[in-house]
Protein backbone atom coordinates (compact mmCIF):
# COMPACT_ATOMS: atom_id res chain seq x y z
CA MET A 1 0.00 0.00 0.00
CA LYS A 2 2.82 2.43 0.92
CA LYS A 3 4.55 1.58 -2.35
CA THR A 4 1.38 2.39 -4.36
CA ILE A 5 0.94 5.73 -2.55
CA SER A 6 4.56 6.70 -3.18
CA ILE A 7 4.25 5.83 -6.90
CA ILE A 8 1.10 7.98 -7.19
CA ALA A 9 2.82 10.84 -5.35
CA MET A 10 5.87 10.63 -7.66
CA ALA A 11 3.65 10.56 -10.78
CA THR A 12 1.72 13.61 -9.53
CA LEU A 13 4.97 15.52 -8.91
CA CYS A 14 6.24 14.61 -12.39
CA LEU A 15 3.05 15.95 -13.95
CA PHE A 16 3.22 19.10 -11.82
CA PHE A 17 6.83 19.91 -12.75
CA SER A 18 6.54 18.98 -16.43
CA ALA A 19 3.48 21.15 -17.11
CA PRO A 20 5.31 24.53 -17.18
CA SER A 21 7.94 23.28 -19.63
CA GLN A 22 5.24 21.95 -21.95
CA ALA A 23 3.41 25.27 -21.81
CA GLN A 24 6.59 27.11 -22.83
CA SER A 25 7.07 24.95 -25.92
CA VAL A 26 3.72 25.91 -27.47
CA THR A 27 4.29 27.53 -30.86
CA THR A 28 2.18 30.22 -32.46
CA THR A 29 -0.36 29.00 -34.97
CA PHE A 30 -1.64 31.09 -37.84
CA LYS A 31 -4.84 30.91 -39.86
CA PRO A 32 -4.45 30.80 -43.66
CA VAL A 33 -4.67 34.16 -45.43
CA LYS A 34 -6.58 34.42 -48.70
CA ILE A 35 -6.09 36.83 -51.60
CA GLY A 36 -7.11 40.31 -50.46
CA GLY A 37 -6.32 39.55 -46.80
CA ARG A 38 -3.44 41.02 -44.81
CA ILE A 39 -0.85 38.88 -43.11
CA PRO A 40 0.28 39.36 -39.51
CA ASP A 41 3.77 40.79 -39.06
CA VAL A 42 5.55 37.45 -38.96
CA THR A 43 9.01 37.19 -37.41
CA LEU A 44 11.36 35.19 -39.60
CA THR A 45 13.80 33.47 -37.25
CA ASN A 46 15.90 31.34 -39.60
CA ILE A 47 16.82 33.75 -42.36
CA TYR A 48 20.09 33.48 -44.27
CA ASN A 49 21.77 35.49 -47.03
CA TYR A 50 20.47 38.63 -45.34
CA GLU A 51 21.91 41.29 -43.01
CA THR A 52 20.53 39.46 -39.94
CA THR A 53 19.31 35.94 -39.13
CA LYS A 54 16.08 37.21 -37.55
CA THR A 55 13.78 39.88 -38.92
CA ASN A 56 10.12 40.76 -39.37
CA LEU A 57 8.44 40.49 -42.73
CA SER A 58 7.48 44.17 -42.43
CA ASP A 59 11.19 45.09 -42.40
CA PHE A 60 11.32 44.44 -46.14
CA LYS A 61 10.42 47.80 -47.68
CA ALA A 62 9.94 46.68 -51.28
CA LYS A 63 6.79 47.67 -53.16
CA LEU A 64 6.25 43.99 -54.01
CA ILE A 65 7.36 40.97 -51.95
CA ILE A 66 7.24 37.55 -53.59
CA LEU A 67 7.53 34.53 -51.33
CA ASP A 68 8.99 31.57 -53.21
CA PHE A 69 7.96 28.31 -51.50
CA TRP A 70 10.36 25.62 -52.68
CA ALA A 71 12.27 22.47 -51.69
CA THR A 72 15.66 21.01 -52.61
CA SER A 73 13.89 17.91 -54.01
CA CYS A 74 11.61 19.97 -56.30
CA THR A 75 13.09 19.91 -59.81
CA SER A 76 10.70 22.60 -61.09
CA CYS A 77 11.73 24.89 -58.21
CA LEU A 78 15.41 24.51 -59.08
CA VAL A 79 14.78 25.18 -62.78
CA TYR A 80 13.24 28.58 -61.91
CA LEU A 81 15.87 29.70 -59.36
CA PRO A 82 18.09 31.40 -62.02
CA LYS A 83 15.03 33.26 -63.39
CA ILE A 84 14.19 34.51 -59.89
CA GLU A 85 17.78 35.65 -59.35
CA GLU A 86 17.61 37.51 -62.66
CA LEU A 87 14.33 39.22 -61.72
CA GLN A 88 15.68 40.17 -58.28
CA LYS A 89 18.72 41.84 -59.87
CA LYS A 90 16.55 43.61 -62.46
CA TYR A 91 14.10 45.13 -59.97
CA GLY A 92 16.49 45.80 -57.08
CA GLY A 93 14.72 47.44 -54.12
CA GLU A 94 11.30 47.62 -55.80
CA VAL A 95 10.77 43.85 -55.60
CA GLN A 96 11.99 41.50 -52.87
CA PHE A 97 12.00 37.76 -53.45
CA ILE A 98 12.30 35.55 -50.35
CA LYS A 99 12.93 31.81 -50.70
CA VAL A 100 10.94 29.84 -48.09
CA THR A 101 11.31 26.19 -47.16
CA CYS A 102 10.32 24.05 -44.20
CA GLN A 103 13.49 21.99 -44.64
CA PRO A 104 16.21 22.37 -41.98
CA LYS A 105 19.15 24.74 -42.35
CA ALA A 106 21.60 21.80 -42.28
CA GLU A 107 20.12 20.51 -45.58
CA VAL A 108 19.35 23.78 -47.33
CA ILE A 109 22.36 26.06 -46.81
CA PRO A 110 25.06 23.60 -48.03
CA PHE A 111 22.81 22.79 -51.01
CA LEU A 112 22.45 26.48 -51.95
CA GLU A 113 26.15 27.20 -51.36
CA LYS A 114 27.00 24.48 -53.88
CA LEU A 115 24.34 25.69 -56.31
CA HIS A 116 25.51 29.33 -56.16
CA LYS A 117 29.24 28.61 -55.89
CA THR A 118 30.18 30.62 -58.98
CA ASP A 119 27.31 33.14 -58.94
CA PRO A 120 26.29 34.19 -55.39
CA SER A 121 22.58 34.59 -54.69
CA ALA A 122 21.00 37.98 -54.00
CA ILE A 123 17.90 36.46 -52.37
CA PRO A 124 17.28 35.86 -48.64
CA VAL A 125 16.39 32.29 -47.64
CA VAL A 126 14.10 31.21 -44.79
CA THR A 127 14.63 27.65 -43.54
CA ASP A 128 12.85 25.54 -40.89
CA ASP A 129 9.68 27.52 -41.62
CA SER A 130 6.27 26.73 -40.18
CA ALA A 131 4.62 30.18 -39.85
CA LEU A 132 4.57 31.11 -43.55
CA HIS A 133 3.51 27.59 -44.50
CA GLN A 134 0.55 27.92 -42.10
CA LEU A 135 -0.38 31.31 -43.56
CA PHE A 136 -0.12 30.04 -47.14
CA PRO A 137 -0.90 26.30 -47.25
CA HIS A 138 -0.25 24.69 -50.62
CA ILE A 139 0.21 21.27 -52.17
CA ASN A 140 2.28 21.80 -55.31
CA LEU A 141 5.69 23.45 -55.63
CA PRO A 142 6.88 25.94 -56.60
CA HIS A 143 4.29 28.18 -55.00
CA TYR A 144 4.57 31.97 -55.17
CA VAL A 145 2.73 34.42 -52.92
CA TRP A 146 2.70 38.08 -54.00
CA LEU A 147 2.36 40.68 -51.22
CA ASP A 148 2.12 44.44 -51.51
CA GLN A 149 4.08 46.71 -49.16
CA THR A 150 1.20 46.76 -46.63
CA GLY A 151 1.23 42.95 -46.31
CA LYS A 152 -1.89 42.41 -48.41
CA VAL A 153 -1.93 39.20 -50.45
CA VAL A 154 -2.41 40.20 -54.09
CA ALA A 155 -1.78 36.86 -55.83
CA THR A 156 -0.77 33.22 -55.52
CA THR A 157 0.81 31.89 -58.71
CA THR A 158 2.83 29.22 -60.43
CA ALA A 159 6.18 30.00 -62.04
CA LYS A 160 4.42 30.61 -65.37
CA GLN A 161 3.04 33.94 -64.09
CA LEU A 162 6.42 35.02 -62.72
CA THR A 163 7.29 37.34 -65.59
CA ALA A 164 8.73 40.83 -65.93
CA GLU A 165 5.49 41.87 -67.66
CA ASN A 166 3.35 40.82 -64.69
CA ILE A 167 5.73 42.47 -62.22
CA ASP A 168 5.73 45.68 -64.31
CA GLN A 169 1.92 45.60 -64.36
CA PHE A 170 1.81 45.48 -60.57
CA LEU A 171 4.52 48.11 -60.04
CA SER A 172 2.86 50.60 -62.40
CA ASN A 173 -0.79 50.04 -61.39
CA ASP A 174 -0.73 48.42 -57.93
CA ASN A 175 -2.76 45.55 -59.34
CA ILE A 176 -2.09 42.26 -61.06
CA GLY A 177 -4.46 42.70 -63.99
CA ASN A 178 -5.86 39.44 -65.37
CA MET A 179 -3.08 37.24 -64.06
CA HIS A 180 -4.18 33.62 -63.56
CA MET A 181 -4.23 32.53 -59.89
CA LYS A 182 -2.78 29.21 -58.77
CA VAL A 183 -5.24 26.64 -57.46
CA ASP A 184 -3.80 23.54 -55.78
CA MET A 185 -5.70 20.36 -56.46
CA ASN A 186 -5.72 17.75 -53.70
CA ASN A 187 -5.25 14.40 -55.45
CA SER A 188 -6.88 12.56 -52.55
CA LYS A 189 -10.23 14.23 -53.27
CA SER A 190 -12.39 13.75 -56.32
CA LEU A 191 -12.81 16.64 -58.75
CA THR A 192 -16.56 16.61 -58.05
CA SER A 193 -16.06 17.26 -54.31
CA VAL A 194 -13.65 20.12 -55.06
CA LEU A 195 -16.10 21.75 -57.50
CA LYS A 196 -18.98 21.48 -55.02
CA LYS A 197 -17.01 23.59 -52.51
CA GLN A 198 -16.45 26.40 -55.04
């Protein structure tokens, strides 16, 4: 009987002392933001190829911010990286591309260093991301999210819409014109069920 009481007492103490540490490890969750909505001022904590490793999204003062969601295993993403570098150089401070991946720094940074060995990248990279992926859930890569300088989502596109003409259209008129929006199809659902929701 004494042994049972002491085991219960020890278990209760373990629960009591472990509760605060569990509460501290809770991460912020974000609701998805649709086109026309504004994003919260997200703090980017694992940012590389930038003046600091931690910054807020609002610190980027460009007229247009394009988030490039990608992965090292995504062939299409890698094909478009040189085009994005070219566009970043062309538009300088007016447009800011930011590469975003949920992959860990240990995988991504050595990969990019090898990739850009002869021609260094001009684009900041966010690794280990969860916040931006929560704000902009997607299935297919690459996935581009266009934000104006106030943090309003103006478009979500594929690489096909990532052209100088479309960027010029936005910079001159503050709108994206008739640019086609990206719609991710979930292969686990039938087309009929997707159409019913629209």
